[in-house]
Every structure is written in structure tokens, then in C-alpha cells.
Amino acid sequence: MIKIDLFIFDLDGTLADTGGDIAAAVNHALEKLGMAPLEYRRIMSYVGDGVQELIRRALGEDRLYALAEALTIFRGYYGEHLLDRTALYPGVEECLIHFAGKKKVVISNKKHDFTVRIVESLGIAPHFEDIIGGDFHPYLKPDARLVEHYLARYRIDREKTAIIGDGHNDILLAKNAGIVSCAFLNGLGERRHLLDLQPDVTCENLAELKDVFY
């Protein structure tokens, strides 16, 4: 087992299944602009690098003239519907309760106010020392500065810090910062791509982490 004193959790596809609401908001924006909706899995393949990249990829290179309008439509609709289908994954609360004595933060590339609203609305905010969204800092995952702040703040060693996430940026953040990487394989991210990055640990359910970390 690995001793961990600071856990960094991703939100989308790790703590919560947010895919349905994200996809609905993307397709709402596309339809408002007279464009055809996209399949769910295709939209999910665009998630992880922040909302601007999500909408840019959904539009395609030949329709970037509509980027600003699409972003406005997406944010407005998502802000009203971000909890229509979103729910915690199985094992999340069990995991957070088990590690109640450890420092825990949420770091997401999702817009900050959306991130905070979801974590608070799902009732898990009290488990975390901090909740950070993508526009809180001028940099996103996998920028190691997101981790350096907490290592200094809590005076915790790198080898006792782990990030748990379902996206490539979570694993890359761990590698960039020199901390333990844990890939959640049942999230929104592509399993094969996660495994190709060779994370230190993998799990199918966050409750499994009780048997990996202490």
C-alpha cells in the first residue's frame, strides 16, 4: 500500500458522472446555431481541456467563426441544467469518508463556478479543503503549478500526494508534478488512452482505493 497525505480529485468523470448534462448543453448550442447534434461518445472525447476547447472541437475548424456565440449559448444552458442528470459515481462517498483524515482537494478544468456548484449540490463539499475550477488560475491541468501550490501550502511530500482522475490531463499532471497517478477507468475518459499513459495505479471504483492507499 502507498501512504498518501494529500488526495487531488478530478470532477468530471471521476467524482461525478457529468457526461449527460455536458452533451446536452453542447448539442443545444449546436442546434441553436443550426448545426447537427453530435453523438455522446464523440462529445466525451472532446472533454478535459476546458470549455473553450470543448466547444472548439464540437464546432470543427470550419465553423470557428461561431465560437464566441456557441460558448455563450453553452454556458447559459449548462448553468441552468448542470444537475439534470449529474450524479456521484458509486463508491465516491465511501472513499471520501474512509480518507476523512487526509487532505483532499478538487481540481478541474471545468469553469470554476460550475465546479463549485456541482460539488456543493452533490453534498460532498465538506470533504474538501479546496475546490478549484479551470478559470480560477491562468493555467489548466496538466500544468504542475496547480500541484506545487498545495505541496507548499500543506508541506506534503510529492510521493505522499496522489491525483485521481479519468482523463489524460490528470495522469500528465501527476507526471509533470512528480506525484502518484491513479486512473479511474470507469469515467468519461477513454480507458485505452489512460492505460497507454501507464498510471501508477488504476481503479474501477473509487472505493477500491481503500486497499491501495493509507
Protein backbone atom coordinates (compact mmCIF):
# COMPACT_ATOMS: atom_id res chain seq x y z
CA MET A 1 0.00 0.00 0.00
CA ILE A 2 1.04 3.60 -0.61
CA LYS A 3 0.93 6.24 2.11
CA ILE A 4 -0.87 9.35 0.82
CA ASP A 5 -1.46 12.54 2.81
CA LEU A 6 -2.93 14.70 0.02
CA PHE A 7 -5.53 13.50 -2.49
CA ILE A 8 -6.32 15.59 -5.57
CA PHE A 9 -9.57 14.60 -7.28
CA ASP A 10 -10.80 15.41 -10.75
CA LEU A 11 -14.53 16.17 -11.01
CA ASP A 12 -15.99 15.29 -14.42
CA GLY A 13 -15.86 11.54 -14.92
CA THR A 14 -14.17 10.87 -11.57
CA LEU A 15 -16.31 12.09 -8.68
CA ALA A 16 -19.41 12.67 -10.76
CA ASP A 17 -20.90 11.39 -13.99
CA THR A 18 -21.49 14.74 -15.67
CA GLY A 19 -21.44 13.50 -19.24
CA GLY A 20 -25.15 13.63 -19.97
CA ASP A 21 -25.52 17.25 -18.97
CA ILE A 22 -22.37 18.31 -20.82
CA ALA A 23 -23.50 16.56 -24.01
CA ALA A 24 -26.99 18.08 -23.78
CA ALA A 25 -25.54 21.58 -23.44
CA VAL A 26 -23.12 21.10 -26.35
CA ASN A 27 -25.90 19.83 -28.61
CA HIS A 28 -28.21 22.63 -27.50
CA ALA A 29 -25.58 25.16 -28.62
CA LEU A 30 -25.04 23.40 -31.93
CA GLU A 31 -28.76 23.18 -32.65
CA LYS A 32 -29.28 26.86 -31.79
CA LEU A 33 -26.65 27.65 -34.42
CA GLY A 34 -28.36 25.44 -36.99
CA MET A 35 -25.81 22.63 -36.75
CA ALA A 36 -26.37 18.91 -36.42
CA PRO A 37 -26.06 17.36 -32.92
CA LEU A 38 -23.12 15.09 -32.14
CA GLU A 39 -23.07 11.59 -30.67
CA TYR A 40 -22.46 11.32 -26.94
CA ARG A 41 -19.14 9.44 -27.19
CA ARG A 42 -17.79 11.95 -29.66
CA ILE A 43 -18.57 14.82 -27.32
CA MET A 44 -16.98 12.95 -24.42
CA SER A 45 -13.78 12.59 -26.45
CA TYR A 46 -13.60 16.39 -26.51
CA VAL A 47 -13.89 16.79 -22.71
CA GLY A 48 -10.94 17.51 -20.42
CA ASP A 49 -9.18 20.61 -21.72
CA GLY A 50 -11.65 23.28 -20.63
CA VAL A 51 -14.89 24.59 -22.09
CA GLN A 52 -13.32 26.63 -24.88
CA GLU A 53 -11.55 23.58 -26.32
CA LEU A 54 -14.70 21.51 -25.88
CA ILE A 55 -16.78 23.91 -27.96
CA ARG A 56 -13.98 24.49 -30.46
CA ARG A 57 -13.76 20.76 -31.14
CA ALA A 58 -17.53 20.37 -31.30
CA LEU A 59 -17.79 23.13 -33.91
CA GLY A 60 -14.93 21.90 -36.07
CA GLU A 61 -12.25 24.02 -37.71
CA ASP A 62 -14.54 25.31 -40.46
CA ARG A 63 -17.06 26.79 -38.01
CA LEU A 64 -14.83 28.57 -35.53
CA TYR A 65 -16.39 31.86 -36.59
CA ALA A 66 -19.26 30.85 -34.28
CA LEU A 67 -17.03 30.06 -31.27
CA ALA A 68 -17.93 33.09 -29.13
CA GLU A 69 -21.66 32.71 -29.74
CA ALA A 70 -21.55 28.96 -29.12
CA LEU A 71 -19.69 29.46 -25.85
CA THR A 72 -22.29 31.96 -24.67
CA ILE A 73 -25.15 29.62 -25.54
CA PHE A 74 -23.42 26.63 -23.95
CA ARG A 75 -22.63 28.42 -20.70
CA GLY A 76 -26.12 29.83 -20.37
CA TYR A 77 -27.82 26.49 -20.94
CA TYR A 78 -25.34 24.45 -18.90
CA GLY A 79 -25.59 26.86 -16.00
CA GLU A 80 -29.31 26.08 -15.78
CA HIS A 81 -29.09 22.33 -16.45
CA LEU A 82 -25.78 21.15 -14.98
CA LEU A 83 -27.54 18.95 -12.41
CA ASP A 84 -30.32 17.47 -14.55
CA ARG A 85 -28.58 14.09 -14.89
CA THR A 86 -25.31 14.54 -12.98
CA ALA A 87 -24.76 12.17 -10.05
CA LEU A 88 -21.94 10.80 -7.95
CA TYR A 89 -20.30 7.60 -9.11
CA PRO A 90 -20.69 4.50 -6.92
CA GLY A 91 -18.02 4.33 -4.23
CA VAL A 92 -17.30 8.05 -4.09
CA GLU A 93 -18.83 8.78 -0.70
CA GLU A 94 -17.38 5.58 0.76
CA CYS A 95 -13.93 6.63 -0.44
CA LEU A 96 -14.18 10.19 0.87
CA ILE A 97 -15.42 9.03 4.28
CA HIS A 98 -12.65 6.43 4.54
CA PHE A 99 -9.99 9.10 3.92
CA ALA A 100 -11.63 11.65 6.20
CA GLY A 101 -8.34 12.30 7.99
CA LYS A 102 -6.46 13.18 4.81
CA LYS A 103 -6.17 16.49 2.96
CA LYS A 104 -8.35 16.46 -0.16
CA VAL A 105 -8.90 18.99 -2.93
CA VAL A 106 -10.80 19.07 -6.22
CA ILE A 107 -9.01 20.41 -9.29
CA SER A 108 -10.99 20.57 -12.51
CA ASN A 109 -10.56 22.21 -15.91
CA LYS A 110 -14.31 22.95 -15.80
CA LYS A 111 -15.37 26.56 -15.21
CA HIS A 112 -14.82 27.40 -11.54
CA ASP A 113 -18.36 28.38 -10.59
CA PHE A 114 -19.78 25.28 -12.30
CA THR A 115 -17.25 23.11 -10.45
CA VAL A 116 -18.12 24.57 -7.06
CA ARG A 117 -21.88 24.38 -7.69
CA ILE A 118 -21.74 20.72 -8.65
CA VAL A 119 -19.55 19.67 -5.72
CA GLU A 120 -21.72 21.61 -3.29
CA SER A 121 -25.02 20.40 -4.77
CA LEU A 122 -23.93 16.76 -4.63
CA GLY A 123 -23.26 17.18 -0.90
CA ILE A 124 -19.55 16.35 -0.88
CA ALA A 125 -18.05 19.83 -0.48
CA PRO A 126 -17.37 19.35 3.28
CA HIS A 127 -14.84 16.61 2.42
CA PHE A 128 -12.55 19.06 0.62
CA GLU A 129 -10.15 21.75 1.75
CA ASP A 130 -10.36 23.44 -1.63
CA ILE A 131 -12.38 23.28 -4.87
CA ILE A 132 -10.70 24.76 -7.93
CA GLY A 133 -12.07 25.19 -11.44
CA GLY A 134 -10.34 25.89 -14.71
CA ASP A 135 -10.63 29.67 -14.75
CA PHE A 136 -9.52 30.14 -11.13
CA HIS A 137 -5.85 30.23 -12.23
CA PRO A 138 -4.40 31.38 -15.58
CA TYR A 139 -3.29 27.81 -16.26
CA LEU A 140 -5.01 24.42 -16.55
CA LYS A 141 -4.17 20.78 -15.96
CA PRO A 142 -1.62 19.35 -16.70
CA ASP A 143 0.34 22.42 -15.50
CA ALA A 144 2.37 21.33 -12.46
CA ARG A 145 1.86 24.72 -10.77
CA LEU A 146 -1.61 23.53 -9.76
CA VAL A 147 0.04 20.92 -7.54
CA GLU A 148 3.03 22.97 -6.38
CA HIS A 149 0.67 25.37 -4.61
CA TYR A 150 -0.74 22.62 -2.40
CA LEU A 151 2.57 20.90 -1.74
CA ALA A 152 3.86 24.18 -0.35
CA ARG A 153 0.63 25.09 1.44
CA TYR A 154 0.30 21.79 3.28
CA ARG A 155 4.02 20.91 3.40
CA ILE A 156 3.38 17.45 1.99
CA ASP A 157 5.95 15.44 0.04
CA ARG A 158 5.37 14.59 -3.62
CA GLU A 159 5.50 10.87 -3.00
CA LYS A 160 2.67 11.27 -0.47
CA THR A 161 0.43 13.14 -2.93
CA ALA A 162 -1.86 11.44 -5.45
CA ILE A 163 -4.22 12.61 -8.16
CA ILE A 164 -7.25 10.51 -9.06
CA GLY A 165 -8.80 11.17 -12.45
CA ASP A 166 -10.31 9.70 -15.58
CA GLY A 167 -8.59 11.97 -18.10
CA HIS A 168 -5.22 12.13 -19.79
CA ASN A 169 -4.56 15.54 -18.23
CA ASP A 170 -4.85 14.04 -14.74
CA ILE A 171 -2.17 11.45 -15.45
CA LEU A 172 0.01 14.00 -17.23
CA LEU A 173 -0.36 16.40 -14.29
CA ALA A 174 0.89 13.68 -11.96
CA LYS A 175 3.88 13.00 -14.18
CA ASN A 176 4.68 16.70 -14.57
CA ALA A 177 4.47 17.29 -10.82
CA GLY A 178 6.19 14.07 -9.76
CA ILE A 179 3.25 12.76 -7.74
CA VAL A 180 1.35 9.46 -7.73
CA SER A 181 -1.11 8.98 -10.59
CA CYS A 182 -4.32 6.99 -10.24
CA ALA A 183 -6.50 6.43 -13.30
CA PHE A 184 -10.23 5.91 -12.78
CA LEU A 185 -11.14 3.62 -15.66
CA ASN A 186 -14.94 3.82 -15.48
CA GLY A 187 -15.28 7.55 -16.12
CA LEU A 188 -15.73 9.67 -19.21
CA GLY A 189 -12.17 9.20 -20.45
CA GLU A 190 -11.05 6.54 -22.90
CA ARG A 191 -9.73 3.55 -20.94
CA ARG A 192 -7.18 2.57 -23.57
CA HIS A 193 -5.68 6.05 -23.69
CA LEU A 194 -5.40 6.14 -19.89
CA LEU A 195 -3.63 2.78 -19.78
CA ASP A 196 -1.25 3.89 -22.55
CA LEU A 197 -0.05 6.65 -20.20
CA GLN A 198 0.98 3.98 -17.66
CA PRO A 199 -0.53 5.41 -14.47
CA ASP A 200 0.92 4.23 -11.17
CA VAL A 201 -2.45 2.90 -10.00
CA THR A 202 -5.78 2.09 -11.67
CA CYS A 203 -9.23 1.52 -10.24
CA GLU A 204 -12.71 0.66 -11.46
CA ASN A 205 -14.48 2.06 -8.38
CA LEU A 206 -13.13 4.73 -6.02
CA ALA A 207 -13.95 2.50 -3.04
CA GLU A 208 -11.07 0.28 -4.20
CA LEU A 209 -8.63 2.99 -3.13
CA LYS A 210 -9.09 1.87 0.49
CA ASP A 211 -6.99 -1.15 -0.41
CA VAL A 212 -4.34 0.83 -2.31
CA PHE A 213 -3.68 3.92 -0.20
CA TYR A 214 -3.44 4.55 3.53
